[in-house]
Amino acid sequence: MAFVLVKENESLENALRRFRRKVQREATMKDCKKSSVYLKPGDKKRMKEHRARKRIRRYLRRKREREIW
């Protein structure tokens, strides 16, 4: 669980910004969203393959962009 101690003379906005950054770093929200819905094993496999294809396409697109320059 992420927590932030508010320092003296620190605005609430700054403390909130530090808290959000800490939560993001710990991937708390990502884990919460991932475990909120049950996926069947076949669906998990399809999602994993989809992410892999997307990652490869992104890699190839960036590689092509670098070759142009």
N, C-alpha and C. Protein backbone atom coordinates (compact mmCIF):
# COMPACT_ATOMS: atom_id res chain seq x y z
N MET A 1 0.84 -1.18 0.00
CA MET A 1 0.00 0.00 0.00
C MET A 1 0.89 1.24 0.00
N ALA A 2 0.63 2.12 -0.91
CA ALA A 2 1.42 3.34 -1.02
C ALA A 2 0.88 4.40 -0.05
N PHE A 3 1.79 5.10 0.56
CA PHE A 3 1.39 6.23 1.40
C PHE A 3 2.46 7.30 1.32
N VAL A 4 2.04 8.53 1.57
CA VAL A 4 2.94 9.67 1.49
C VAL A 4 2.72 10.53 2.71
N LEU A 5 3.80 10.90 3.36
CA LEU A 5 3.70 11.82 4.49
C LEU A 5 3.80 13.25 3.97
N VAL A 6 2.85 14.07 4.38
CA VAL A 6 2.84 15.46 3.94
C VAL A 6 3.85 16.22 4.77
N LYS A 7 4.80 16.85 4.11
CA LYS A 7 5.85 17.60 4.80
C LYS A 7 5.32 18.97 5.22
N GLU A 8 6.06 19.59 6.10
CA GLU A 8 5.69 20.94 6.52
C GLU A 8 5.80 21.89 5.34
N ASN A 9 4.89 22.82 5.26
CA ASN A 9 4.84 23.83 4.20
C ASN A 9 4.76 23.21 2.80
N GLU A 10 4.19 22.01 2.70
CA GLU A 10 4.01 21.38 1.40
C GLU A 10 2.54 21.43 1.05
N SER A 11 2.26 21.83 -0.16
CA SER A 11 0.87 21.93 -0.58
C SER A 11 0.28 20.53 -0.77
N LEU A 12 -1.02 20.47 -0.66
CA LEU A 12 -1.71 19.20 -0.84
C LEU A 12 -1.55 18.69 -2.27
N GLU A 13 -1.50 19.61 -3.23
CA GLU A 13 -1.34 19.21 -4.63
C GLU A 13 -0.01 18.48 -4.85
N ASN A 14 1.06 19.00 -4.23
CA ASN A 14 2.38 18.36 -4.37
C ASN A 14 2.38 16.98 -3.73
N ALA A 15 1.74 16.86 -2.57
CA ALA A 15 1.68 15.57 -1.90
C ALA A 15 0.87 14.58 -2.73
N LEU A 16 -0.22 15.06 -3.31
CA LEU A 16 -1.04 14.20 -4.15
C LEU A 16 -0.28 13.76 -5.39
N ARG A 17 0.50 14.66 -5.97
CA ARG A 17 1.31 14.32 -7.14
C ARG A 17 2.33 13.24 -6.77
N ARG A 18 2.98 13.38 -5.61
CA ARG A 18 3.95 12.36 -5.17
C ARG A 18 3.27 11.02 -4.94
N PHE A 19 2.04 11.07 -4.37
CA PHE A 19 1.29 9.84 -4.12
C PHE A 19 0.95 9.13 -5.42
N ARG A 20 0.46 9.88 -6.40
CA ARG A 20 0.10 9.29 -7.69
C ARG A 20 1.32 8.66 -8.36
N ARG A 21 2.45 9.35 -8.30
CA ARG A 21 3.69 8.83 -8.90
C ARG A 21 4.10 7.53 -8.21
N LYS A 22 3.96 7.49 -6.89
CA LYS A 22 4.34 6.31 -6.13
C LYS A 22 3.42 5.13 -6.47
N VAL A 23 2.13 5.39 -6.58
CA VAL A 23 1.18 4.35 -6.94
C VAL A 23 1.50 3.81 -8.34
N GLN A 24 1.81 4.71 -9.25
CA GLN A 24 2.14 4.29 -10.62
C GLN A 24 3.41 3.46 -10.64
N ARG A 25 4.41 3.86 -9.86
CA ARG A 25 5.67 3.12 -9.81
C ARG A 25 5.46 1.72 -9.26
N GLU A 26 4.58 1.58 -8.27
CA GLU A 26 4.34 0.28 -7.67
C GLU A 26 3.39 -0.58 -8.50
N ALA A 27 2.82 -0.01 -9.55
CA ALA A 27 1.88 -0.71 -10.44
C ALA A 27 0.66 -1.21 -9.68
N THR A 28 0.23 -0.48 -8.68
CA THR A 28 -0.91 -0.88 -7.87
C THR A 28 -2.19 -0.89 -8.68
N MET A 29 -2.41 0.16 -9.46
CA MET A 29 -3.64 0.24 -10.25
C MET A 29 -3.67 -0.82 -11.34
N LYS A 30 -2.53 -1.11 -11.94
CA LYS A 30 -2.47 -2.12 -12.99
C LYS A 30 -2.87 -3.48 -12.43
N ASP A 31 -2.35 -3.83 -11.24
CA ASP A 31 -2.69 -5.10 -10.62
C ASP A 31 -4.17 -5.15 -10.26
N CYS A 32 -4.70 -4.05 -9.79
CA CYS A 32 -6.10 -3.98 -9.41
C CYS A 32 -7.00 -4.22 -10.62
N LYS A 33 -6.68 -3.56 -11.74
CA LYS A 33 -7.49 -3.72 -12.94
C LYS A 33 -7.36 -5.13 -13.50
N LYS A 34 -6.15 -5.70 -13.43
CA LYS A 34 -5.93 -7.02 -13.98
C LYS A 34 -6.72 -8.08 -13.21
N SER A 35 -6.78 -7.95 -11.91
CA SER A 35 -7.44 -8.97 -11.11
C SER A 35 -8.93 -8.71 -10.91
N SER A 36 -9.46 -7.62 -11.46
CA SER A 36 -10.87 -7.32 -11.25
C SER A 36 -11.79 -8.16 -12.12
N VAL A 37 -11.27 -8.70 -13.23
CA VAL A 37 -12.07 -9.47 -14.16
C VAL A 37 -11.41 -10.82 -14.37
N TYR A 38 -12.20 -11.89 -14.32
CA TYR A 38 -11.66 -13.22 -14.56
C TYR A 38 -11.60 -13.47 -16.06
N LEU A 39 -10.45 -13.92 -16.53
CA LEU A 39 -10.29 -14.30 -17.93
C LEU A 39 -10.07 -15.81 -18.00
N LYS A 40 -10.78 -16.44 -18.91
CA LYS A 40 -10.58 -17.87 -19.10
C LYS A 40 -9.18 -18.09 -19.68
N PRO A 41 -8.61 -19.26 -19.46
CA PRO A 41 -7.25 -19.53 -19.95
C PRO A 41 -7.10 -19.29 -21.45
N GLY A 42 -8.10 -19.66 -22.25
CA GLY A 42 -8.02 -19.44 -23.70
C GLY A 42 -8.00 -17.95 -24.03
N ASP A 43 -8.80 -17.16 -23.30
CA ASP A 43 -8.82 -15.72 -23.52
C ASP A 43 -7.50 -15.08 -23.13
N LYS A 44 -6.90 -15.58 -22.04
CA LYS A 44 -5.59 -15.06 -21.62
C LYS A 44 -4.56 -15.32 -22.72
N LYS A 45 -4.62 -16.52 -23.30
CA LYS A 45 -3.66 -16.89 -24.35
C LYS A 45 -3.84 -15.98 -25.56
N ARG A 46 -5.10 -15.73 -25.95
CA ARG A 46 -5.37 -14.86 -27.09
C ARG A 46 -4.87 -13.44 -26.83
N MET A 47 -5.11 -12.94 -25.64
CA MET A 47 -4.64 -11.59 -25.28
C MET A 47 -3.12 -11.52 -25.32
N LYS A 48 -2.47 -12.56 -24.82
CA LYS A 48 -1.01 -12.59 -24.82
C LYS A 48 -0.46 -12.58 -26.24
N GLU A 49 -1.07 -13.37 -27.13
CA GLU A 49 -0.64 -13.40 -28.53
C GLU A 49 -0.89 -12.05 -29.21
N HIS A 50 -2.02 -11.45 -28.89
CA HIS A 50 -2.35 -10.13 -29.47
C HIS A 50 -1.31 -9.08 -29.04
N ARG A 51 -0.95 -9.08 -27.76
CA ARG A 51 0.06 -8.13 -27.27
C ARG A 51 1.40 -8.37 -27.93
N ALA A 52 1.75 -9.65 -28.16
CA ALA A 52 3.02 -9.97 -28.82
C ALA A 52 3.04 -9.46 -30.25
N ARG A 53 1.92 -9.67 -30.99
CA ARG A 53 1.85 -9.16 -32.36
C ARG A 53 1.95 -7.65 -32.39
N LYS A 54 1.28 -7.00 -31.45
CA LYS A 54 1.30 -5.54 -31.38
C LYS A 54 2.72 -5.04 -31.08
N ARG A 55 3.41 -5.72 -30.17
CA ARG A 55 4.78 -5.34 -29.82
C ARG A 55 5.71 -5.48 -31.02
N ILE A 56 5.55 -6.56 -31.78
CA ILE A 56 6.38 -6.78 -32.96
C ILE A 56 6.11 -5.73 -34.02
N ARG A 57 4.82 -5.42 -34.25
CA ARG A 57 4.48 -4.39 -35.24
C ARG A 57 5.09 -3.05 -34.85
N ARG A 58 5.01 -2.69 -33.56
CA ARG A 58 5.59 -1.43 -33.08
C ARG A 58 7.09 -1.43 -33.29
N TYR A 59 7.76 -2.55 -33.00
CA TYR A 59 9.20 -2.65 -33.19
C TYR A 59 9.57 -2.45 -34.66
N LEU A 60 8.84 -3.13 -35.56
CA LEU A 60 9.15 -3.02 -36.99
C LEU A 60 8.88 -1.62 -37.51
N ARG A 61 7.80 -0.98 -37.05
CA ARG A 61 7.49 0.38 -37.49
C ARG A 61 8.59 1.35 -37.06
N ARG A 62 9.04 1.23 -35.82
CA ARG A 62 10.11 2.11 -35.34
C ARG A 62 11.41 1.84 -36.08
N LYS A 63 11.65 0.58 -36.41
CA LYS A 63 12.87 0.24 -37.14
C LYS A 63 12.84 0.86 -38.54
N ARG A 64 11.67 0.82 -39.20
CA ARG A 64 11.53 1.45 -40.51
C ARG A 64 11.72 2.95 -40.44
N GLU A 65 11.18 3.57 -39.39
CA GLU A 65 11.33 5.03 -39.23
C GLU A 65 12.79 5.41 -39.07
N ARG A 66 13.54 4.60 -38.34
CA ARG A 66 14.96 4.89 -38.14
C ARG A 66 15.74 4.76 -39.46
N GLU A 67 15.34 3.81 -40.30
CA GLU A 67 16.04 3.60 -41.58
C GLU A 67 15.82 4.77 -42.53
N ILE A 68 14.68 5.40 -42.44
CA ILE A 68 14.38 6.54 -43.32
C ILE A 68 15.34 7.69 -43.03
N TRP A 69 15.60 7.94 -41.79
CA TRP A 69 16.47 9.06 -41.42
C TRP A 69 17.87 8.61 -41.62
